[in-house]
Amino acid sequence: MGQVALTLMIMPESPETDIEAIKKQAKKRLERLDVVIKEIKEKPVAFGLKMLEILLTFPDRPGGTDAIEHAISEIDGVASVEAGDITLL
């Protein structure tokens, strides 16, 4: 089994949501899942709302991105989590 690269898109509930708190919690939760964060970007969406785009790598395993998406979706202030580009390295 190899490594998987994934772009994860995280949408906060509102423009007032503390995006730094979401970043901090995401880092903690992803570390527990044997995930390496390569890059975190804030991208404007609309009306002051910004989403997080996280590029990460993790070992190829059964279940794919399910555990990662579930862990992030449980963070307070997160409205949605979507797996974007995914590729085997």
Protein backbone atom coordinates (compact mmCIF):
# COMPACT_ATOMS: atom_id res chain seq x y z
CA MET A 1 0.00 0.00 0.00
CA GLY A 2 1.17 3.51 -0.80
CA GLN A 3 0.36 7.03 0.24
CA VAL A 4 -2.73 8.99 -0.73
CA ALA A 5 -2.82 12.76 -1.38
CA LEU A 6 -6.12 14.47 -0.67
CA THR A 7 -7.47 18.00 -0.90
CA LEU A 8 -10.06 18.51 1.82
CA MET A 9 -12.46 21.47 1.68
CA ILE A 10 -13.94 22.66 4.97
CA MET A 11 -16.79 25.17 5.03
CA PRO A 12 -17.46 27.03 8.29
CA GLU A 13 -21.02 27.74 9.45
CA SER A 14 -20.76 31.52 9.00
CA PRO A 15 -18.32 34.40 8.41
CA GLU A 16 -18.26 34.91 12.20
CA THR A 17 -17.01 31.36 12.85
CA ASP A 18 -13.49 31.30 14.32
CA ILE A 19 -11.56 29.80 11.40
CA GLU A 20 -8.33 29.69 13.44
CA ALA A 21 -10.05 27.47 16.03
CA ILE A 22 -11.19 25.14 13.23
CA LYS A 23 -7.61 24.96 11.90
CA LYS A 24 -6.25 24.14 15.36
CA GLN A 25 -8.83 21.40 15.97
CA ALA A 26 -8.36 19.98 12.47
CA LYS A 27 -4.60 19.67 13.03
CA LYS A 28 -5.15 17.83 16.32
CA ARG A 29 -7.70 15.43 14.91
CA LEU A 30 -5.74 14.69 11.74
CA GLU A 31 -2.56 13.91 13.71
CA ARG A 32 -4.47 11.17 15.55
CA LEU A 33 -5.39 9.60 12.20
CA ASP A 34 -1.78 9.32 10.93
CA VAL A 35 -2.37 12.18 8.48
CA VAL A 36 0.38 14.60 7.39
CA ILE A 37 -0.79 18.13 6.59
CA LYS A 38 1.16 19.56 3.66
CA GLU A 39 -0.62 22.89 3.26
CA ILE A 40 -3.58 24.86 4.65
CA LYS A 41 -5.12 27.71 2.65
CA GLU A 42 -7.97 30.07 3.42
CA LYS A 43 -10.04 30.76 0.32
CA PRO A 44 -12.73 33.45 0.05
CA VAL A 45 -16.19 32.15 -0.83
CA ALA A 46 -18.68 35.05 -0.60
CA PHE A 47 -19.79 37.87 1.69
CA GLY A 48 -16.78 37.52 4.01
CA LEU A 49 -17.07 33.74 4.29
CA LYS A 50 -13.79 31.84 3.91
CA MET A 51 -13.31 28.12 3.51
CA LEU A 52 -10.27 26.05 4.44
CA GLU A 53 -8.54 23.97 1.80
CA ILE A 54 -6.17 21.41 3.32
CA LEU A 55 -3.72 19.36 1.28
CA LEU A 56 -2.77 16.22 3.17
CA THR A 57 -1.27 12.77 2.78
CA PHE A 58 -2.06 9.53 4.58
CA PRO A 59 -1.43 5.80 4.15
CA ASP A 60 -3.74 4.05 1.69
CA ARG A 61 -6.21 2.10 3.81
CA PRO A 62 -9.70 0.59 3.70
CA GLY A 63 -12.41 3.19 4.16
CA GLY A 64 -10.46 5.82 2.26
CA THR A 65 -11.36 9.31 3.43
CA ASP A 66 -14.39 8.42 5.59
CA ALA A 67 -12.61 8.61 8.97
CA ILE A 68 -10.93 11.89 8.01
CA GLU A 69 -14.14 13.54 6.84
CA HIS A 70 -16.02 12.33 9.92
CA ALA A 71 -13.37 13.63 12.34
CA ILE A 72 -13.40 17.09 10.75
CA SER A 73 -17.20 17.29 10.45
CA GLU A 74 -17.49 16.93 14.25
CA ILE A 75 -15.56 20.17 14.90
CA ASP A 76 -17.72 22.98 16.30
CA GLY A 77 -18.38 25.61 13.64
CA VAL A 78 -17.92 23.30 10.64
CA ALA A 79 -20.90 23.31 8.26
CA SER A 80 -19.54 20.82 5.72
CA VAL A 81 -16.50 18.80 4.70
CA GLU A 82 -15.85 17.66 1.15
CA ALA A 83 -13.08 15.51 -0.30
CA GLY A 84 -11.75 17.15 -3.45
CA ASP A 85 -8.83 15.90 -5.51
CA ILE A 86 -7.53 12.52 -4.39
CA THR A 87 -4.66 10.55 -5.87
CA LEU A 88 -2.39 7.65 -5.03
CA LEU A 89 1.25 8.71 -4.72
